[in-house]
Structures are given as structure tokens and as C-alpha cells.
Amino acid sequence: MKKFMNTAETMVAESLDGFVRAHEEFVVFGADRKFVRRRHLIPGKVAIISGGGAGHEPMHIGFVGRGMLDAACVGHIFTSPTPDQIVGAIEEADTGAGCLLVVKNYDGDVMNFEMAAEMASSRHKIEMVIVSDDIETARTQDGRGRRGVAGTVIVERLLGAAAEKGMALPALKALAGDLSPRVRSMGVALTGVTVPHTQRSTFALGPSEIEMGVGIHGEPGHEREPFSSADAIITHLSETVFKEVAPVADKALLFVNGLGGTPPAELYLAYNTAHRFMTDHGLRIVRSLVGPYATSLDMQGLSVTLAILSEEELLLWDSPVATAALRWGC
């Protein structure tokens, strides 16, 4: 295995050092370097805080800044941040209006964010929202519900924009609850993930195989299928997410997300196929996002996310955002 790293043990810390140095106009390290926070916190604004394991960059650190997150906590590769990291972020980012914790639906993330919220609840007003946009895990019926994957980017953007406009904590919690059933994602991979600590791939595929329904921690999906044309693969993803949310309304945001090892040319080809499918089925794609925003280290794969948005939510999406990974209107 060849990677641009010194040691597996120091990779995350050294990467975070580089990120903060590269984007110091937006971010600084928090106390004891336990988290990354917005350089200029806004007094009286609800703090939007998220986080998760490293390996998903630019999610979540790349979304810290104006119009999105106020702080992000980073664990080791594919490992949840610890409760003390999250408590530190709450203590520093809360400027008087409370904190909304945005958590992907993974057992470790949910457990540690819940623990941190309980630890800090005597000093801070805290609410938590769980992102669960992945269609794949709804099939398992194991009681855990859907995973939080690429749709987390859309949720963080809309909640961050609403908080920037002064929305109060209860209203932000309600906005997240209303949005949740209208955001769905599904992923596919051509390769597994090479994890630095183990130096092995999370799953192996033959030259004529794909993995349908993968997660962002290198988890295998629900089915190994024969490799086929891009149109066939992307149409299957598009049809699956369309059936979940399309009847709600006719305006949508279409997001094709790269999982780390897929070049832009392939992502745009996939977007073209997904867009054609959606419009052929009567859905108006009025906003789009294409790129590697919620990655899985070096996985060669992608996901399709469909979000049905109201006029008010579209205005939130369009409002100014200034982060390392998303920037417009500023």
C-alpha cells in the first residue's frame, strides 16, 4: 500500500494541521486542538456543531465557516470523536443561543454525541438531530435505521444557513425534522477502501464486479453485481432514490458525490445520467452539487442524493456560504 503519509498513527493530526494552515481565513483549532471551529464566532447565534471519523474530508471540517458549521470534531480514521472533544466544541462555540448537534446515524457517533450533550446540558441549551438519508440500511431491518451519508452535507448547509439568519434553536430542530424524510442517498463502488492502519482493503471486487449500496466507512453493500455501463448503474441509483422522495413535490436538488477515488469526468457523466432520469420522470432539478464532498478515503465510487426542497429551503441553500469546501454569494 502506498499513501502520502508518514505513519498511520500521525496521519489524521498532520492532515488537520495542514487543513487549518491552508484555510486560516475560515477556521482555527479549538482548545487543546480537540476540534476545528469557525474563526469568527457570531454572538447570539445558535452554534451548529457536527463531526465524525476522519477519512470523509471535506466533510465535516471543510464545512466550518459562514453559513454552515461553527465547529467540527474529528476522530481517528472512521472512528467517532470522543465525548470530551464534543463537549469542548460546545463550550467554545456556544455564544449564548445554544447548540444544535448534527449527527450521522452511526452507533458510535450517536452514543458519543448523546453523552457529550448530557455532560454539557447543565451549562448549555442543546438539541440534537440525526441524519439518516441512506436507502441501503433501510433494507436490513436491524433496528438501527438508515445511516447518515452524503445527505448530511445538505442538512448541514440548510441548518447552517438558517442559523446564520438568526433562527432559534427550537425552529432549527423543527426544520431538520421536516427535512429528514425528503433527503435520500444511495452509493455504489468499484473498489473497497484501503485503511491506513490495516493496510488492507475493506472488501475486494473482481474485475467485472461492483458493490451496490456501500456506506462511507468502506462497508460493503447489499449486493455484488456484474459491472455494466454507467447509464445502467446510475439509472438504478437514480430510480431507487426517486421512488423514495419524488412524490413529495416537483422541485429538487440533485447531488452526485464522489467517494474519494472517482475523477470529476466520471462524476459529471453520472450527474448527466441522473439528471436525465429525474427530468424524464417529471422532477425539476433546480439546484445541483457535484464533487467529492463526503468521501470514504480512496474508494472508487459515488453516490446519488436527491433532496426535495421548499422555496424557503432553496433560498437558504442560495444564501451566502464561505467555507473551505463550499463558497458562494460572498
Protein backbone atom coordinates (compact mmCIF):
# COMPACT_ATOMS: atom_id res chain seq x y z
CA MET A 1 0.00 0.00 0.00
CA LYS A 2 1.36 3.42 -0.98
CA LYS A 3 -0.09 6.57 0.57
CA PHE A 4 1.23 10.08 1.13
CA MET A 5 1.66 9.72 4.88
CA ASN A 6 4.42 9.42 7.45
CA THR A 7 2.76 6.96 9.82
CA ALA A 8 -0.79 5.72 10.14
CA GLU A 9 -0.81 6.94 13.74
CA THR A 10 0.04 10.56 12.87
CA MET A 11 -1.85 10.85 9.59
CA VAL A 12 -5.01 12.48 10.97
CA ALA A 13 -3.21 15.01 13.18
CA GLU A 14 -0.84 16.05 10.40
CA SER A 15 -3.71 16.33 7.92
CA LEU A 16 -5.65 18.56 10.33
CA ASP A 17 -2.59 20.77 10.81
CA GLY A 18 -2.39 21.23 7.06
CA PHE A 19 -6.10 21.91 6.73
CA VAL A 20 -6.09 24.67 9.37
CA ARG A 21 -2.98 26.28 7.89
CA ALA A 22 -4.44 26.18 4.38
CA HIS A 23 -7.79 27.70 5.40
CA GLU A 24 -6.92 30.03 8.26
CA GLU A 25 -9.27 32.70 6.90
CA PHE A 26 -12.15 30.40 7.88
CA VAL A 27 -11.01 28.19 10.77
CA VAL A 28 -8.82 27.83 13.84
CA PHE A 29 -8.15 24.97 16.23
CA GLY A 30 -10.29 24.96 19.35
CA ALA A 31 -8.96 24.49 22.87
CA ASP A 32 -6.27 21.79 23.15
CA ARG A 33 -6.62 21.18 19.39
CA LYS A 34 -9.57 18.88 20.06
CA PHE A 35 -11.75 20.34 17.32
CA VAL A 36 -11.82 22.85 14.49
CA ARG A 37 -14.02 25.90 14.85
CA ARG A 38 -15.08 28.93 12.88
CA ARG A 39 -12.51 31.70 13.20
CA HIS A 40 -15.13 34.39 13.85
CA LEU A 41 -17.99 33.19 16.05
CA ILE A 42 -21.19 35.24 15.99
CA PRO A 43 -22.58 36.33 19.39
CA GLY A 44 -26.17 35.27 19.94
CA LYS A 45 -26.29 32.79 17.05
CA VAL A 46 -27.15 29.12 17.55
CA ALA A 47 -23.96 27.10 17.12
CA ILE A 48 -24.18 24.26 14.58
CA ILE A 49 -21.75 21.50 15.54
CA SER A 50 -21.03 18.22 13.78
CA GLY A 51 -18.25 15.71 13.35
CA GLY A 52 -17.24 12.12 12.79
CA GLY A 53 -14.27 10.00 11.92
CA ALA A 54 -11.53 11.24 9.64
CA GLY A 55 -11.48 9.88 6.11
CA HIS A 56 -14.62 11.68 4.90
CA GLU A 57 -12.98 15.01 4.03
CA PRO A 58 -14.01 17.64 3.24
CA MET A 59 -16.92 16.57 5.46
CA HIS A 60 -17.07 17.88 8.20
CA ILE A 61 -14.11 20.23 8.66
CA GLY A 62 -14.45 21.63 5.16
CA PHE A 63 -17.91 22.96 6.04
CA VAL A 64 -16.85 25.06 9.04
CA GLY A 65 -17.45 28.73 8.35
CA ARG A 66 -20.09 31.27 7.46
CA GLY A 67 -23.44 29.72 6.59
CA MET A 68 -22.62 26.17 7.73
CA LEU A 69 -20.89 24.75 10.79
CA ASP A 70 -19.45 26.59 13.77
CA ALA A 71 -17.34 23.63 14.87
CA ALA A 72 -16.41 20.12 13.75
CA CYS A 73 -14.90 17.32 15.83
CA VAL A 74 -12.67 14.76 14.12
CA GLY A 75 -11.94 11.23 15.34
CA HIS A 76 -9.39 8.76 14.03
CA ILE A 77 -9.99 7.20 10.61
CA PHE A 78 -13.63 6.05 10.51
CA THR A 79 -13.84 6.42 14.32
CA SER A 80 -16.24 8.69 16.20
CA PRO A 81 -14.89 11.75 18.03
CA THR A 82 -14.79 11.35 21.79
CA PRO A 83 -17.31 12.99 24.15
CA ASP A 84 -14.67 15.34 25.56
CA GLN A 85 -13.91 16.65 22.06
CA ILE A 86 -17.60 17.37 21.53
CA VAL A 87 -18.01 18.99 24.96
CA GLY A 88 -15.04 21.22 24.18
CA ALA A 89 -16.67 22.32 20.94
CA ILE A 90 -19.95 23.06 22.73
CA GLU A 91 -18.20 25.10 25.42
CA GLU A 92 -16.31 27.22 22.91
CA ALA A 93 -18.85 27.59 20.08
CA ASP A 94 -21.93 28.43 22.15
CA THR A 95 -22.20 32.23 22.17
CA GLY A 96 -25.47 32.37 24.08
CA ALA A 97 -28.19 30.89 21.87
CA GLY A 98 -27.42 27.21 22.42
CA CYS A 99 -26.09 24.44 20.19
CA LEU A 100 -27.57 22.12 17.60
CA LEU A 101 -25.61 18.89 17.17
CA VAL A 102 -25.87 17.35 13.69
CA VAL A 103 -25.05 13.64 13.93
CA LYS A 104 -24.82 10.93 11.30
CA ASN A 105 -26.77 7.81 12.26
CA TYR A 106 -23.93 5.51 13.27
CA ASP A 107 -23.89 3.85 16.69
CA GLY A 108 -20.59 5.37 17.82
CA ASP A 109 -21.43 8.88 16.65
CA VAL A 110 -24.89 8.84 18.23
CA MET A 111 -23.60 7.41 21.51
CA ASN A 112 -20.72 9.89 21.89
CA PHE A 113 -22.73 12.96 20.87
CA GLU A 114 -25.54 11.96 23.25
CA MET A 115 -23.02 11.51 26.07
CA ALA A 116 -21.46 14.90 25.35
CA ALA A 117 -24.88 16.59 25.25
CA GLU A 118 -25.71 15.13 28.66
CA MET A 119 -22.36 16.22 30.08
CA ALA A 120 -22.85 19.81 28.87
CA SER A 121 -26.61 20.14 29.42
CA SER A 122 -26.37 21.87 32.78
CA ARG A 123 -24.48 24.78 31.20
CA HIS A 124 -25.85 24.92 27.65
CA LYS A 125 -29.09 24.62 25.71
CA ILE A 126 -28.55 21.68 23.39
CA GLU A 127 -30.59 19.91 20.75
CA MET A 128 -29.51 17.05 18.52
CA VAL A 129 -30.65 15.95 15.07
CA ILE A 130 -29.85 12.59 13.47
CA VAL A 131 -29.17 12.45 9.73
CA SER A 132 -30.38 9.18 8.20
CA ASP A 133 -30.52 9.53 4.43
CA ASP A 134 -29.03 6.23 3.25
CA ILE A 135 -31.55 3.98 1.50
CA GLU A 136 -29.35 0.89 1.75
CA THR A 137 -29.62 0.38 5.51
CA ALA A 138 -33.41 0.54 5.44
CA ARG A 139 -33.25 -2.91 3.85
CA THR A 140 -31.52 -4.58 6.79
CA GLN A 141 -34.33 -4.02 9.31
CA ASP A 142 -31.84 -4.40 12.17
CA GLY A 143 -33.40 -1.62 14.24
CA ARG A 144 -30.63 0.90 13.67
CA GLY A 145 -32.34 2.78 10.87
CA ARG A 146 -30.73 4.49 7.94
CA ARG A 147 -27.10 5.59 8.01
CA GLY A 148 -26.18 9.24 7.60
CA VAL A 149 -24.15 9.65 4.41
CA ALA A 150 -23.85 12.32 1.69
CA GLY A 151 -27.22 13.90 2.52
CA THR A 152 -25.53 15.18 5.69
CA VAL A 153 -23.92 17.89 3.54
CA ILE A 154 -27.33 19.23 2.52
CA VAL A 155 -28.67 19.12 6.08
CA GLU A 156 -25.63 20.95 7.46
CA ARG A 157 -25.86 23.58 4.74
CA LEU A 158 -29.54 24.35 5.30
CA LEU A 159 -29.31 24.36 9.09
CA GLY A 160 -26.17 26.49 8.97
CA ALA A 161 -27.82 28.98 6.65
CA ALA A 162 -30.92 29.18 8.84
CA ALA A 163 -28.83 29.70 11.97
CA GLU A 164 -26.86 32.42 10.19
CA LYS A 165 -30.15 34.22 9.56
CA GLY A 166 -30.98 34.11 13.27
CA MET A 167 -33.33 31.12 13.51
CA ALA A 168 -33.77 29.97 17.10
CA LEU A 169 -32.84 26.53 18.41
CA PRO A 170 -36.39 25.03 18.53
CA ALA A 171 -37.12 26.21 14.98
CA LEU A 172 -33.84 24.73 13.72
CA LYS A 173 -34.69 21.41 15.32
CA ALA A 174 -38.13 21.51 13.64
CA LEU A 175 -36.57 22.39 10.27
CA ALA A 176 -34.28 19.35 10.48
CA GLY A 177 -37.18 17.08 11.38
CA ASP A 178 -39.24 18.32 8.45
CA LEU A 179 -36.32 17.99 6.02
CA SER A 180 -35.25 14.49 7.06
CA PRO A 181 -37.76 12.38 5.07
CA ARG A 182 -37.09 14.42 1.92
CA VAL A 183 -33.37 13.62 1.59
CA ARG A 184 -32.27 10.19 0.37
CA SER A 185 -28.97 8.74 -0.90
CA MET A 186 -27.55 5.55 -2.36
CA GLY A 187 -23.96 4.64 -3.23
CA VAL A 188 -22.02 2.24 -5.44
CA ALA A 189 -18.34 1.29 -5.50
CA LEU A 190 -15.88 -0.18 -7.97
CA THR A 191 -13.27 -0.78 -5.22
CA GLY A 192 -13.13 -1.01 -1.46
CA VAL A 193 -11.28 1.35 0.89
CA THR A 194 -7.61 0.97 1.78
CA VAL A 195 -7.45 1.71 5.52
CA PRO A 196 -4.04 3.07 6.66
CA HIS A 197 -3.89 1.16 9.95
CA THR A 198 -4.63 -2.24 8.45
CA GLN A 199 -3.10 -1.61 5.00
CA ARG A 200 -5.88 -3.74 3.56
CA SER A 201 -9.00 -3.04 1.54
CA THR A 202 -12.35 -3.28 3.30
CA PHE A 203 -13.64 -5.55 0.54
CA ALA A 204 -12.27 -6.93 -2.71
CA LEU A 205 -14.04 -6.92 -6.05
CA GLY A 206 -13.25 -8.85 -9.17
CA PRO A 207 -12.52 -7.01 -12.43
CA SER A 208 -16.14 -7.45 -13.55
CA GLU A 209 -17.91 -6.70 -10.23
CA ILE A 210 -19.40 -3.66 -8.46
CA GLU A 211 -20.71 -3.28 -4.92
CA MET A 212 -24.19 -1.74 -4.76
CA GLY A 213 -25.34 0.10 -1.62
CA VAL A 214 -21.97 0.88 0.02
CA GLY A 215 -21.50 3.07 3.09
CA ILE A 216 -18.95 5.81 3.69
CA HIS A 217 -16.83 3.72 6.09
CA GLY A 218 -15.98 1.19 3.43
CA GLU A 219 -18.91 -1.04 4.35
CA PRO A 220 -19.98 -3.47 1.63
CA GLY A 221 -23.45 -3.02 0.21
CA HIS A 222 -26.45 -5.28 -0.15
CA GLU A 223 -25.45 -6.92 -3.41
CA ARG A 224 -22.46 -7.64 -5.60
CA GLU A 225 -23.48 -7.10 -9.21
CA PRO A 226 -21.85 -7.51 -12.62
CA PHE A 227 -20.10 -4.40 -13.89
CA SER A 228 -22.16 -2.68 -16.59
CA SER A 229 -22.47 0.67 -18.35
CA ALA A 230 -22.52 3.93 -16.41
CA ASP A 231 -26.06 4.57 -17.64
CA ALA A 232 -27.28 1.27 -16.20
CA ILE A 233 -25.57 1.77 -12.83
CA ILE A 234 -26.58 5.40 -12.34
CA THR A 235 -30.13 4.80 -13.56
CA HIS A 236 -30.53 2.13 -10.89
CA LEU A 237 -29.31 4.53 -8.15
CA SER A 238 -31.49 7.34 -9.50
CA GLU A 239 -34.60 5.21 -9.72
CA THR A 240 -34.14 3.97 -6.16
CA VAL A 241 -33.81 7.42 -4.60
CA PHE A 242 -36.53 8.85 -6.84
CA LYS A 243 -39.06 6.28 -5.64
CA GLU A 244 -38.32 7.25 -2.03
CA VAL A 245 -38.93 11.01 -2.23
CA ALA A 246 -40.19 12.20 -5.61
CA PRO A 247 -43.94 12.19 -4.85
CA VAL A 248 -43.47 14.86 -2.18
CA ALA A 249 -43.03 17.79 -4.62
CA ASP A 250 -41.61 18.61 -8.03
CA LYS A 251 -38.51 20.74 -7.22
CA ALA A 252 -35.29 19.11 -6.15
CA LEU A 253 -31.58 19.41 -5.53
CA LEU A 254 -29.54 16.65 -7.19
CA PHE A 255 -26.19 15.82 -5.61
CA VAL A 256 -23.68 13.40 -7.15
CA ASN A 257 -20.99 12.78 -4.55
CA GLY A 258 -17.57 11.28 -5.18
CA LEU A 259 -16.36 8.77 -2.59
CA GLY A 260 -12.69 9.71 -2.91
CA GLY A 261 -11.22 7.88 -5.89
CA THR A 262 -13.57 8.84 -8.72
CA PRO A 263 -12.38 11.55 -11.15
CA PRO A 264 -14.54 14.60 -11.92
CA ALA A 265 -15.18 13.49 -15.50
CA GLU A 266 -16.95 10.36 -14.24
CA LEU A 267 -18.93 12.30 -11.63
CA TYR A 268 -20.24 14.73 -14.24
CA LEU A 269 -21.10 11.85 -16.57
CA ALA A 270 -23.05 10.30 -13.68
CA TYR A 271 -24.78 13.61 -12.98
CA ASN A 272 -25.87 13.85 -16.60
CA THR A 273 -27.47 10.40 -16.45
CA ALA A 274 -29.13 11.08 -13.08
CA HIS A 275 -30.43 14.46 -14.25
CA ARG A 276 -31.87 12.93 -17.40
CA PHE A 277 -33.63 10.24 -15.38
CA MET A 278 -35.15 12.76 -12.95
CA THR A 279 -36.40 15.14 -15.63
CA ASP A 280 -37.78 12.25 -17.72
CA HIS A 281 -39.84 11.34 -14.66
CA GLY A 282 -41.28 14.81 -14.18
CA LEU A 283 -38.96 16.14 -11.50
CA ARG A 284 -37.47 19.62 -11.87
CA ILE A 285 -33.82 19.76 -10.84
CA VAL A 286 -33.42 23.38 -9.74
CA ARG A 287 -30.16 23.09 -7.80
CA SER A 288 -27.15 20.81 -8.17
CA LEU A 289 -23.95 19.79 -6.44
CA VAL A 290 -21.24 17.59 -7.97
CA GLY A 291 -17.95 16.62 -6.37
CA PRO A 292 -16.18 14.69 -3.60
CA TYR A 293 -17.82 16.21 -0.51
CA ALA A 294 -18.50 13.17 1.71
CA THR A 295 -15.72 10.76 0.87
CA SER A 296 -14.53 7.35 2.01
CA LEU A 297 -10.76 7.79 1.76
CA ASP A 298 -9.74 6.33 -1.61
CA MET A 299 -12.90 4.40 -2.52
CA GLN A 300 -13.55 4.45 -6.25
CA GLY A 301 -17.28 5.05 -6.19
CA LEU A 302 -20.04 7.60 -5.97
CA SER A 303 -23.47 8.23 -4.52
CA VAL A 304 -26.62 9.91 -5.76
CA THR A 305 -28.58 12.11 -3.35
CA LEU A 306 -31.97 13.62 -4.05
CA ALA A 307 -33.39 16.36 -1.81
CA ILE A 308 -36.90 17.71 -2.32
CA LEU A 309 -36.75 21.33 -1.12
CA SER A 310 -39.32 24.02 -0.45
CA GLU A 311 -38.98 27.58 -1.76
CA GLU A 312 -37.78 28.69 1.68
CA GLU A 313 -35.16 25.94 1.76
CA LEU A 314 -33.96 26.86 -1.72
CA LEU A 315 -33.43 30.41 -0.50
CA LEU A 316 -31.41 29.06 2.41
CA TRP A 317 -29.31 26.97 0.02
CA ASP A 318 -28.63 30.07 -2.12
CA SER A 319 -27.69 32.33 0.79
CA PRO A 320 -24.01 33.23 1.28
CA VAL A 321 -21.66 30.47 2.39
CA ALA A 322 -17.92 30.78 2.98
CA THR A 323 -16.13 27.57 3.94
CA ALA A 324 -13.12 25.68 2.67
CA ALA A 325 -15.29 23.32 0.59
CA LEU A 326 -18.38 25.39 -0.30
CA ARG A 327 -18.31 29.06 -1.16
CA TRP A 328 -20.77 31.30 -2.97
CA GLY A 329 -22.67 34.58 -2.58
CA CYS A 330 -19.90 36.27 -0.57
